[in-house]
Amino acid sequence: KVSDIKNRVDIGNNSNADLFISIHLNKYPPSEIYRGWQTFYQPSNEDSKNLASLIQENLNKNIEKCTELNLLLREKLSKYDVVINSNEYSVPQIFNFSIIKMKGNEFVKEISKYGIYLSSTSACSSSLNYSIVLGEITNGNRDISTTSVRVSISHLTTKNDIMRFIDIFDKIYNKNN
């Protein structure tokens, strides 16, 4: 990590750019001191400093909002027979859970009929089955990994969106259980 930061500083100091901004997401969880987003800029450039400040402020608001919505989703889904695969160190914009009695891709197909589009595949590669990625996280528990669904939360997501998702989830869940 230190070499990554040093490389960013070198690029910023040695570039002839009018503006230099570098955004870094610190690894969750090990450090409580350096956790979350950091926005680096050229201290000698007032425009870089101002832009970095605006970016940092907006990233912080985004994380705060997504964290609140993630917690709401976690609370509402805890009433069902699901396994929540995302832990407290996961980025708040991604919420992953498994419906024990339904394959993830079947749920994704059902909920898409209501105009809600989720994923049961990896965000890293469309050709990579998400169950393979989750297999490592879930210690190879195939039931959990093949029933996994990923929900993306953004700055555009609202509390009403989450509640609508829960209402539709409830319909599909009760129909299939």
N, C-alpha and C. Protein backbone atom coordinates (compact mmCIF):
# COMPACT_ATOMS: atom_id res chain seq x y z
N LYS A 1 0.82 -1.20 0.00
CA LYS A 1 0.00 0.00 0.00
C LYS A 1 0.86 1.26 0.00
N VAL A 2 1.95 1.23 0.74
CA VAL A 2 2.81 2.41 0.80
C VAL A 2 3.37 2.73 -0.59
N SER A 3 3.74 1.69 -1.34
CA SER A 3 4.27 1.93 -2.69
C SER A 3 3.20 2.50 -3.61
N ASP A 4 1.94 2.07 -3.42
CA ASP A 4 0.84 2.61 -4.22
C ASP A 4 0.66 4.11 -3.95
N ILE A 5 0.68 4.48 -2.70
CA ILE A 5 0.54 5.90 -2.33
C ILE A 5 1.73 6.69 -2.88
N LYS A 6 2.94 6.14 -2.74
CA LYS A 6 4.13 6.82 -3.24
C LYS A 6 4.03 7.02 -4.76
N ASN A 7 3.55 6.00 -5.47
CA ASN A 7 3.38 6.13 -6.93
C ASN A 7 2.39 7.23 -7.27
N ARG A 8 1.33 7.33 -6.52
CA ARG A 8 0.33 8.38 -6.76
C ARG A 8 0.94 9.76 -6.54
N VAL A 9 1.71 9.88 -5.46
CA VAL A 9 2.37 11.16 -5.16
C VAL A 9 3.34 11.52 -6.28
N ASP A 10 4.12 10.54 -6.72
CA ASP A 10 5.08 10.78 -7.82
C ASP A 10 4.36 11.23 -9.09
N ILE A 11 3.28 10.57 -9.43
CA ILE A 11 2.53 10.94 -10.63
C ILE A 11 2.01 12.37 -10.50
N GLY A 12 1.45 12.68 -9.36
CA GLY A 12 0.93 14.03 -9.13
C GLY A 12 2.01 15.09 -9.19
N ASN A 13 3.14 14.81 -8.57
CA ASN A 13 4.22 15.79 -8.54
C ASN A 13 4.92 15.95 -9.89
N ASN A 14 4.97 14.88 -10.66
CA ASN A 14 5.72 14.91 -11.91
C ASN A 14 4.86 15.16 -13.14
N SER A 15 3.57 15.25 -12.97
CA SER A 15 2.72 15.48 -14.15
C SER A 15 2.66 16.98 -14.43
N ASN A 16 2.42 17.28 -15.65
CA ASN A 16 2.24 18.67 -16.05
C ASN A 16 0.76 18.99 -16.20
N ALA A 17 -0.06 18.21 -15.53
CA ALA A 17 -1.50 18.38 -15.64
C ALA A 17 -1.95 19.68 -14.99
N ASP A 18 -3.01 20.24 -15.52
CA ASP A 18 -3.60 21.43 -14.92
C ASP A 18 -4.23 21.11 -13.57
N LEU A 19 -4.67 19.86 -13.44
CA LEU A 19 -5.36 19.40 -12.25
C LEU A 19 -4.96 17.95 -11.99
N PHE A 20 -4.74 17.58 -10.75
CA PHE A 20 -4.44 16.19 -10.42
C PHE A 20 -5.27 15.78 -9.22
N ILE A 21 -6.06 14.72 -9.40
CA ILE A 21 -6.88 14.15 -8.34
C ILE A 21 -6.66 12.64 -8.39
N SER A 22 -6.50 12.02 -7.23
CA SER A 22 -6.37 10.57 -7.14
C SER A 22 -7.29 10.10 -6.02
N ILE A 23 -8.18 9.18 -6.35
CA ILE A 23 -9.15 8.68 -5.36
C ILE A 23 -8.73 7.28 -4.95
N HIS A 24 -8.72 7.04 -3.67
CA HIS A 24 -8.25 5.77 -3.12
C HIS A 24 -9.27 5.25 -2.12
N LEU A 25 -9.59 3.97 -2.22
CA LEU A 25 -10.47 3.33 -1.25
C LEU A 25 -9.63 2.44 -0.37
N ASN A 26 -9.54 2.78 0.89
CA ASN A 26 -8.76 1.98 1.83
C ASN A 26 -9.45 0.67 2.09
N LYS A 27 -8.65 -0.34 2.29
CA LYS A 27 -9.15 -1.69 2.50
C LYS A 27 -10.01 -1.75 3.77
N TYR A 28 -11.12 -2.41 3.63
CA TYR A 28 -11.94 -2.68 4.79
C TYR A 28 -11.45 -4.01 5.35
N PRO A 29 -11.26 -4.23 6.57
CA PRO A 29 -11.48 -3.44 7.75
C PRO A 29 -10.25 -2.97 8.48
N PRO A 30 -9.03 -3.38 8.18
CA PRO A 30 -8.05 -3.45 9.26
C PRO A 30 -7.81 -2.15 10.02
N SER A 31 -7.94 -1.03 9.37
CA SER A 31 -7.60 0.21 10.04
C SER A 31 -8.84 1.05 10.31
N GLU A 32 -8.97 1.47 11.52
CA GLU A 32 -10.05 2.40 11.85
C GLU A 32 -9.61 3.84 11.56
N ILE A 33 -8.30 4.04 11.45
CA ILE A 33 -7.78 5.38 11.19
C ILE A 33 -7.91 5.71 9.70
N TYR A 34 -7.47 4.80 8.85
CA TYR A 34 -7.50 5.02 7.41
C TYR A 34 -8.54 4.08 6.81
N ARG A 35 -9.77 4.45 6.89
CA ARG A 35 -10.85 3.62 6.41
C ARG A 35 -11.73 4.46 5.50
N GLY A 36 -12.10 3.90 4.36
CA GLY A 36 -12.97 4.60 3.44
C GLY A 36 -12.20 5.31 2.35
N TRP A 37 -12.81 6.32 1.80
CA TRP A 37 -12.25 7.04 0.66
C TRP A 37 -11.25 8.08 1.11
N GLN A 38 -10.22 8.24 0.29
CA GLN A 38 -9.30 9.37 0.43
C GLN A 38 -9.12 9.97 -0.95
N THR A 39 -9.11 11.27 -1.01
CA THR A 39 -8.91 11.98 -2.27
C THR A 39 -7.62 12.78 -2.16
N PHE A 40 -6.66 12.43 -3.01
CA PHE A 40 -5.38 13.10 -3.01
C PHE A 40 -5.37 14.17 -4.10
N TYR A 41 -4.60 15.22 -3.88
CA TYR A 41 -4.53 16.33 -4.83
C TYR A 41 -3.16 17.00 -4.71
N GLN A 42 -2.85 17.86 -5.65
CA GLN A 42 -1.62 18.65 -5.58
C GLN A 42 -1.85 19.82 -4.62
N PRO A 43 -1.17 19.82 -3.48
CA PRO A 43 -1.40 20.87 -2.49
C PRO A 43 -1.07 22.27 -3.01
N SER A 44 -0.19 22.34 -3.98
CA SER A 44 0.19 23.65 -4.52
C SER A 44 -0.83 24.20 -5.51
N ASN A 45 -1.84 23.40 -5.85
CA ASN A 45 -2.83 23.81 -6.84
C ASN A 45 -4.18 23.99 -6.15
N GLU A 46 -4.63 25.22 -6.02
CA GLU A 46 -5.88 25.53 -5.32
C GLU A 46 -7.08 24.87 -6.00
N ASP A 47 -7.10 24.81 -7.35
CA ASP A 47 -8.21 24.16 -8.05
C ASP A 47 -8.26 22.67 -7.73
N SER A 48 -7.09 22.01 -7.67
CA SER A 48 -7.04 20.60 -7.30
C SER A 48 -7.58 20.40 -5.89
N LYS A 49 -7.17 21.27 -4.99
CA LYS A 49 -7.62 21.18 -3.60
C LYS A 49 -9.13 21.34 -3.50
N ASN A 50 -9.69 22.32 -4.20
CA ASN A 50 -11.13 22.57 -4.15
C ASN A 50 -11.92 21.41 -4.76
N LEU A 51 -11.45 20.90 -5.90
CA LEU A 51 -12.13 19.78 -6.53
C LEU A 51 -12.05 18.54 -5.65
N ALA A 52 -10.87 18.28 -5.08
CA ALA A 52 -10.71 17.13 -4.19
C ALA A 52 -11.64 17.22 -3.00
N SER A 53 -11.80 18.42 -2.47
CA SER A 53 -12.70 18.62 -1.33
C SER A 53 -14.15 18.31 -1.70
N LEU A 54 -14.58 18.77 -2.87
CA LEU A 54 -15.94 18.48 -3.34
C LEU A 54 -16.14 16.99 -3.58
N ILE A 55 -15.15 16.36 -4.20
CA ILE A 55 -15.23 14.91 -4.46
C ILE A 55 -15.33 14.15 -3.14
N GLN A 56 -14.45 14.47 -2.19
CA GLN A 56 -14.43 13.80 -0.90
C GLN A 56 -15.77 13.97 -0.18
N GLU A 57 -16.31 15.18 -0.20
CA GLU A 57 -17.60 15.44 0.44
C GLU A 57 -18.71 14.59 -0.18
N ASN A 58 -18.72 14.51 -1.51
CA ASN A 58 -19.75 13.72 -2.18
C ASN A 58 -19.57 12.23 -1.96
N LEU A 59 -18.33 11.74 -1.94
CA LEU A 59 -18.09 10.33 -1.65
C LEU A 59 -18.55 9.99 -0.24
N ASN A 60 -18.26 10.86 0.70
CA ASN A 60 -18.69 10.63 2.09
C ASN A 60 -20.21 10.58 2.20
N LYS A 61 -20.90 11.50 1.51
CA LYS A 61 -22.37 11.49 1.51
C LYS A 61 -22.90 10.21 0.89
N ASN A 62 -22.26 9.78 -0.21
CA ASN A 62 -22.68 8.56 -0.89
C ASN A 62 -22.53 7.36 0.02
N ILE A 63 -21.39 7.24 0.67
CA ILE A 63 -21.16 6.11 1.58
C ILE A 63 -22.15 6.13 2.73
N GLU A 64 -22.39 7.30 3.29
CA GLU A 64 -23.33 7.42 4.41
C GLU A 64 -24.73 6.98 3.99
N LYS A 65 -25.17 7.47 2.83
CA LYS A 65 -26.51 7.11 2.34
C LYS A 65 -26.59 5.62 2.03
N CYS A 66 -25.60 5.09 1.33
CA CYS A 66 -25.61 3.67 0.98
C CYS A 66 -25.54 2.79 2.22
N THR A 67 -24.81 3.23 3.23
CA THR A 67 -24.72 2.48 4.48
C THR A 67 -26.10 2.41 5.15
N GLU A 68 -26.80 3.53 5.19
CA GLU A 68 -28.14 3.55 5.78
C GLU A 68 -29.09 2.61 5.04
N LEU A 69 -29.05 2.65 3.71
CA LEU A 69 -29.93 1.79 2.91
C LEU A 69 -29.52 0.33 3.03
N ASN A 70 -28.23 0.06 3.11
CA ASN A 70 -27.73 -1.29 3.30
C ASN A 70 -28.23 -1.85 4.63
N LEU A 71 -28.17 -1.05 5.68
CA LEU A 71 -28.65 -1.48 7.00
C LEU A 71 -30.15 -1.73 7.00
N LEU A 72 -30.90 -0.89 6.29
CA LEU A 72 -32.35 -1.09 6.16
C LEU A 72 -32.64 -2.40 5.45
N LEU A 73 -31.95 -2.66 4.38
CA LEU A 73 -32.12 -3.90 3.63
C LEU A 73 -31.77 -5.11 4.51
N ARG A 74 -30.69 -5.01 5.23
CA ARG A 74 -30.26 -6.08 6.15
C ARG A 74 -31.34 -6.34 7.22
N GLU A 75 -31.87 -5.25 7.78
CA GLU A 75 -32.91 -5.38 8.81
C GLU A 75 -34.16 -6.05 8.26
N LYS A 76 -34.63 -5.60 7.09
CA LYS A 76 -35.88 -6.13 6.52
C LYS A 76 -35.72 -7.58 6.08
N LEU A 77 -34.56 -7.94 5.52
CA LEU A 77 -34.37 -9.32 5.05
C LEU A 77 -34.11 -10.30 6.19
N SER A 78 -33.74 -9.79 7.37
CA SER A 78 -33.45 -10.68 8.49
C SER A 78 -34.69 -11.44 8.97
N LYS A 79 -35.87 -11.02 8.52
CA LYS A 79 -37.12 -11.68 8.91
C LYS A 79 -37.40 -12.93 8.09
N TYR A 80 -36.55 -13.19 7.10
CA TYR A 80 -36.74 -14.31 6.18
C TYR A 80 -35.62 -15.33 6.36
N ASP A 81 -35.83 -16.49 5.78
CA ASP A 81 -34.82 -17.55 5.81
C ASP A 81 -33.78 -17.27 4.72
N VAL A 82 -32.93 -16.29 5.01
CA VAL A 82 -31.86 -15.91 4.09
C VAL A 82 -30.54 -15.87 4.87
N VAL A 83 -29.47 -15.98 4.14
CA VAL A 83 -28.14 -15.80 4.71
C VAL A 83 -27.59 -14.51 4.12
N ILE A 84 -27.18 -13.60 4.98
CA ILE A 84 -26.60 -12.35 4.50
C ILE A 84 -25.09 -12.58 4.39
N ASN A 85 -24.61 -12.55 3.14
CA ASN A 85 -23.21 -12.83 2.86
C ASN A 85 -22.32 -11.61 3.04
N SER A 86 -22.88 -10.41 2.92
CA SER A 86 -22.11 -9.18 3.13
C SER A 86 -21.92 -8.98 4.62
N ASN A 87 -20.70 -8.68 5.01
CA ASN A 87 -20.47 -8.42 6.43
C ASN A 87 -20.27 -6.92 6.67
N GLU A 88 -19.98 -6.56 7.90
CA GLU A 88 -19.87 -5.13 8.24
C GLU A 88 -18.67 -4.46 7.58
N TYR A 89 -17.77 -5.24 7.00
CA TYR A 89 -16.60 -4.67 6.33
C TYR A 89 -16.78 -4.56 4.82
N SER A 90 -17.88 -5.05 4.32
CA SER A 90 -18.15 -4.97 2.88
C SER A 90 -18.48 -3.53 2.50
N VAL A 91 -18.15 -3.16 1.28
CA VAL A 91 -18.51 -1.81 0.84
C VAL A 91 -20.04 -1.71 0.86
N PRO A 92 -20.59 -0.59 1.31
CA PRO A 92 -22.04 -0.49 1.49
C PRO A 92 -22.83 -0.45 0.19
N GLN A 93 -22.17 -0.23 -0.93
CA GLN A 93 -22.88 -0.15 -2.21
C GLN A 93 -23.25 -1.53 -2.76
N ILE A 94 -22.69 -2.58 -2.19
CA ILE A 94 -23.00 -3.94 -2.62
C ILE A 94 -23.57 -4.71 -1.43
N PHE A 95 -24.75 -5.29 -1.64
CA PHE A 95 -25.38 -6.10 -0.60
C PHE A 95 -25.61 -7.48 -1.19
N ASN A 96 -25.04 -8.49 -0.56
CA ASN A 96 -25.15 -9.84 -1.07
C ASN A 96 -25.85 -10.72 -0.05
N PHE A 97 -26.83 -11.49 -0.55
CA PHE A 97 -27.54 -12.42 0.32
C PHE A 97 -27.91 -13.67 -0.45
N SER A 98 -28.23 -14.73 0.29
CA SER A 98 -28.65 -15.99 -0.32
C SER A 98 -30.02 -16.37 0.21
N ILE A 99 -30.90 -16.75 -0.73
CA ILE A 99 -32.22 -17.26 -0.36
C ILE A 99 -32.06 -18.77 -0.34
N ILE A 100 -32.13 -19.35 0.82
CA ILE A 100 -31.77 -20.75 1.00
C ILE A 100 -32.57 -21.70 0.10
N LYS A 101 -33.84 -21.43 -0.10
CA LYS A 101 -34.69 -22.38 -0.83
C LYS A 101 -34.94 -21.98 -2.28
N MET A 102 -34.10 -21.09 -2.82
CA MET A 102 -34.31 -20.66 -4.21
C MET A 102 -32.97 -20.30 -4.82
N LYS A 103 -32.71 -20.78 -6.02
CA LYS A 103 -31.47 -20.44 -6.72
C LYS A 103 -31.45 -18.94 -7.02
N GLY A 104 -30.27 -18.35 -6.92
CA GLY A 104 -30.13 -16.92 -7.16
C GLY A 104 -30.62 -16.49 -8.52
N ASN A 105 -30.26 -17.25 -9.57
CA ASN A 105 -30.69 -16.86 -10.93
C ASN A 105 -32.19 -16.98 -11.12
N GLU A 106 -32.86 -17.89 -10.39
CA GLU A 106 -34.32 -18.00 -10.46
C GLU A 106 -34.97 -16.77 -9.82
N PHE A 107 -34.43 -16.33 -8.68
CA PHE A 107 -34.96 -15.14 -8.03
C PHE A 107 -34.76 -13.91 -8.91
N VAL A 108 -33.58 -13.78 -9.50
CA VAL A 108 -33.28 -12.64 -10.38
C VAL A 108 -34.28 -12.61 -11.54
N LYS A 109 -34.59 -13.76 -12.11
CA LYS A 109 -35.56 -13.85 -13.22
C LYS A 109 -36.95 -13.43 -12.74
N GLU A 110 -37.35 -13.91 -11.58
CA GLU A 110 -38.68 -13.58 -11.04
C GLU A 110 -38.82 -12.09 -10.74
N ILE A 111 -37.84 -11.52 -10.07
CA ILE A 111 -37.96 -10.12 -9.66
C ILE A 111 -37.85 -9.17 -10.86
N SER A 112 -37.19 -9.61 -11.92
CA SER A 112 -37.09 -8.76 -13.12
C SER A 112 -38.46 -8.55 -13.76
N LYS A 113 -39.41 -9.44 -13.50
CA LYS A 113 -40.78 -9.27 -14.01
C LYS A 113 -41.45 -8.04 -13.41
N TYR A 114 -40.90 -7.56 -12.29
CA TYR A 114 -41.42 -6.37 -11.61
C TYR A 114 -40.59 -5.13 -11.93
N GLY A 115 -39.66 -5.27 -12.87
CA GLY A 115 -38.82 -4.13 -13.25
C GLY A 115 -37.65 -3.87 -12.32
N ILE A 116 -37.29 -4.86 -11.51
CA ILE A 116 -36.13 -4.76 -10.63
C ILE A 116 -35.06 -5.69 -11.17
N TYR A 117 -33.89 -5.14 -11.42
CA TYR A 117 -32.83 -5.93 -12.05
C TYR A 117 -31.67 -6.09 -11.09
N LEU A 118 -31.39 -7.33 -10.74
CA LEU A 118 -30.32 -7.70 -9.83
C LEU A 118 -29.36 -8.61 -10.57
N SER A 119 -28.42 -9.18 -9.83
CA SER A 119 -27.45 -10.06 -10.45
C SER A 119 -27.19 -11.28 -9.58
N SER A 120 -26.96 -12.38 -10.23
CA SER A 120 -26.47 -13.58 -9.53
C SER A 120 -25.12 -13.98 -10.11
N THR A 121 -24.48 -13.05 -10.83
CA THR A 121 -23.15 -13.28 -11.38
C THR A 121 -22.18 -12.26 -10.82
N SER A 122 -20.91 -12.52 -11.01
CA SER A 122 -19.88 -11.64 -10.48
C SER A 122 -19.82 -10.32 -11.23
N ALA A 123 -19.57 -9.25 -10.49
CA ALA A 123 -19.36 -7.95 -11.12
C ALA A 123 -17.99 -7.89 -11.78
N CYS A 124 -17.12 -8.79 -11.40
CA CYS A 124 -15.75 -8.78 -11.93
C CYS A 124 -15.68 -9.32 -13.35
N SER A 125 -16.54 -10.26 -13.68
CA SER A 125 -16.48 -10.87 -14.99
C SER A 125 -17.84 -11.48 -15.31
N SER A 126 -18.41 -11.08 -16.42
CA SER A 126 -19.73 -11.60 -16.77
C SER A 126 -19.69 -13.09 -17.08
N SER A 127 -18.50 -13.62 -17.38
CA SER A 127 -18.42 -15.05 -17.69
C SER A 127 -18.13 -15.88 -16.44
N LEU A 128 -17.90 -15.23 -15.31
CA LEU A 128 -17.58 -15.94 -14.08
C LEU A 128 -18.84 -16.16 -13.27
N ASN A 129 -19.13 -17.40 -12.97
CA ASN A 129 -20.29 -17.72 -12.15
C ASN A 129 -20.06 -17.20 -10.74
N TYR A 130 -20.99 -16.43 -10.23
CA TYR A 130 -20.85 -15.82 -8.92
C TYR A 130 -20.70 -16.86 -7.82
N SER A 131 -21.28 -18.05 -8.04
CA SER A 131 -21.18 -19.09 -7.03
C SER A 131 -19.73 -19.52 -6.82
N ILE A 132 -18.89 -19.41 -7.85
CA ILE A 132 -17.48 -19.75 -7.71
C ILE A 132 -16.80 -18.74 -6.80
N VAL A 133 -17.06 -17.46 -7.04
CA VAL A 133 -16.49 -16.40 -6.22
C VAL A 133 -16.96 -16.56 -4.77
N LEU A 134 -18.24 -16.75 -4.59
CA LEU A 134 -18.78 -16.89 -3.23
C LEU A 134 -18.37 -18.19 -2.58
N GLY A 135 -18.06 -19.19 -3.37
CA GLY A 135 -17.62 -20.46 -2.81
C GLY A 135 -16.43 -20.26 -1.88
N GLU A 136 -15.54 -19.37 -2.27
CA GLU A 136 -14.39 -19.07 -1.42
C GLU A 136 -14.83 -18.36 -0.15
N ILE A 137 -15.75 -17.42 -0.26
CA ILE A 137 -16.21 -16.64 0.88
C ILE A 137 -17.01 -17.51 1.84
N THR A 138 -17.78 -18.43 1.31
CA THR A 138 -18.68 -19.25 2.14
C THR A 138 -18.06 -20.60 2.50
N ASN A 139 -16.74 -20.69 2.39
CA ASN A 139 -16.03 -21.93 2.68
C ASN A 139 -16.58 -23.11 1.89
N GLY A 140 -16.93 -22.86 0.66
CA GLY A 140 -17.38 -23.92 -0.22
C GLY A 140 -18.81 -24.37 -0.01
N ASN A 141 -19.59 -23.65 0.78
CA ASN A 141 -20.97 -24.03 1.01
C ASN A 141 -21.77 -23.76 -0.26
N ARG A 142 -22.02 -24.82 -1.01
CA ARG A 142 -22.67 -24.71 -2.32
C ARG A 142 -24.09 -24.15 -2.22
N ASP A 143 -24.82 -24.54 -1.17
CA ASP A 143 -26.19 -24.05 -1.02
C ASP A 143 -26.22 -22.52 -0.91
N ILE A 144 -25.28 -21.98 -0.16
CA ILE A 144 -25.24 -20.53 -0.01
C ILE A 144 -24.75 -19.87 -1.29
N SER A 145 -23.69 -20.41 -1.88
CA SER A 145 -23.10 -19.75 -3.04
C SER A 145 -23.97 -19.81 -4.28
N THR A 146 -24.74 -20.88 -4.49
CA THR A 146 -25.59 -20.96 -5.69
C THR A 146 -26.92 -20.24 -5.53
N THR A 147 -27.24 -19.84 -4.32
CA THR A 147 -28.49 -19.12 -4.10
C THR A 147 -28.24 -17.63 -3.89
N SER A 148 -27.06 -17.19 -4.17
CA SER A 148 -26.64 -15.82 -3.90
C SER A 148 -27.20 -14.82 -4.91
N VAL A 149 -27.53 -13.64 -4.37
CA VAL A 149 -28.03 -12.53 -5.18
C VAL A 149 -27.28 -11.28 -4.74
N ARG A 150 -26.88 -10.47 -5.72
CA ARG A 150 -26.17 -9.22 -5.41
C ARG A 150 -27.06 -8.03 -5.72
N VAL A 151 -27.22 -7.15 -4.74
CA VAL A 151 -27.99 -5.92 -4.90
C VAL A 151 -27.01 -4.76 -4.91
N SER A 152 -27.10 -3.92 -5.93
CA SER A 152 -26.26 -2.71 -5.98
C SER A 152 -27.05 -1.52 -5.48
N ILE A 153 -26.44 -0.75 -4.61
CA ILE A 153 -27.05 0.44 -4.02
C ILE A 153 -26.22 1.64 -4.47
N SER A 154 -26.90 2.68 -4.93
CA SER A 154 -26.16 3.87 -5.38
C SER A 154 -26.73 5.13 -4.74
N HIS A 155 -26.14 6.26 -5.10
CA HIS A 155 -26.64 7.54 -4.62
C HIS A 155 -28.04 7.83 -5.14
N LEU A 156 -28.47 7.11 -6.16
CA LEU A 156 -29.81 7.30 -6.73
C LEU A 156 -30.87 6.43 -6.04
N THR A 157 -30.43 5.42 -5.29
CA THR A 157 -31.35 4.53 -4.60
C THR A 157 -32.01 5.27 -3.44
N THR A 158 -33.31 5.03 -3.28
CA THR A 158 -34.06 5.69 -2.21
C THR A 158 -34.57 4.66 -1.21
N LYS A 159 -35.03 5.14 -0.07
CA LYS A 159 -35.66 4.27 0.92
C LYS A 159 -36.90 3.62 0.31
N ASN A 160 -37.64 4.37 -0.50
CA ASN A 160 -38.81 3.80 -1.18
C ASN A 160 -38.42 2.66 -2.11
N ASP A 161 -37.27 2.78 -2.79
CA ASP A 161 -36.79 1.69 -3.64
C ASP A 161 -36.54 0.44 -2.82
N ILE A 162 -35.92 0.60 -1.66
CA ILE A 162 -35.64 -0.55 -0.79
C ILE A 162 -36.94 -1.17 -0.30
N MET A 163 -37.90 -0.35 0.10
CA MET A 163 -39.17 -0.87 0.59
C MET A 163 -39.95 -1.57 -0.53
N ARG A 164 -39.89 -1.02 -1.74
CA ARG A 164 -40.54 -1.68 -2.89
C ARG A 164 -39.87 -3.03 -3.15
N PHE A 165 -38.55 -3.07 -3.08
CA PHE A 165 -37.82 -4.32 -3.24
C PHE A 165 -38.29 -5.34 -2.20
N ILE A 166 -38.40 -4.92 -0.95
CA ILE A 166 -38.82 -5.83 0.13
C ILE A 166 -40.24 -6.34 -0.12
N ASP A 167 -41.14 -5.48 -0.55
CA ASP A 167 -42.52 -5.90 -0.83
C ASP A 167 -42.55 -6.96 -1.93
N ILE A 168 -41.79 -6.73 -2.98
CA ILE A 168 -41.76 -7.69 -4.09
C ILE A 168 -41.01 -8.96 -3.67
N PHE A 169 -39.95 -8.80 -2.92
CA PHE A 169 -39.22 -9.95 -2.39
C PHE A 169 -40.18 -10.83 -1.60
N ASP A 170 -41.00 -10.20 -0.75
CA ASP A 170 -41.96 -10.94 0.08
C ASP A 170 -42.92 -11.76 -0.78
N LYS A 171 -43.43 -11.16 -1.85
CA LYS A 171 -44.34 -11.88 -2.76
C LYS A 171 -43.67 -13.10 -3.36
N ILE A 172 -42.48 -12.91 -3.88
CA ILE A 172 -41.75 -14.01 -4.52
C ILE A 172 -41.36 -15.07 -3.50
N TYR A 173 -40.88 -14.63 -2.36
CA TYR A 173 -40.46 -15.55 -1.29
C TYR A 173 -41.62 -16.42 -0.84
N ASN A 174 -42.77 -15.79 -0.57
CA ASN A 174 -43.94 -16.54 -0.08
C ASN A 174 -44.52 -17.46 -1.16
N LYS A 175 -44.42 -17.06 -2.39
CA LYS A 175 -44.90 -17.92 -3.51
C LYS A 175 -44.04 -19.16 -3.65
N ASN A 176 -42.76 -19.05 -3.32
CA ASN A 176 -41.83 -20.16 -3.54
C ASN A 176 -41.48 -20.94 -2.27
N ASN A 177 -42.05 -20.56 -1.14
CA ASN A 177 -41.73 -21.27 0.11
C ASN A 177 -42.97 -21.82 0.79
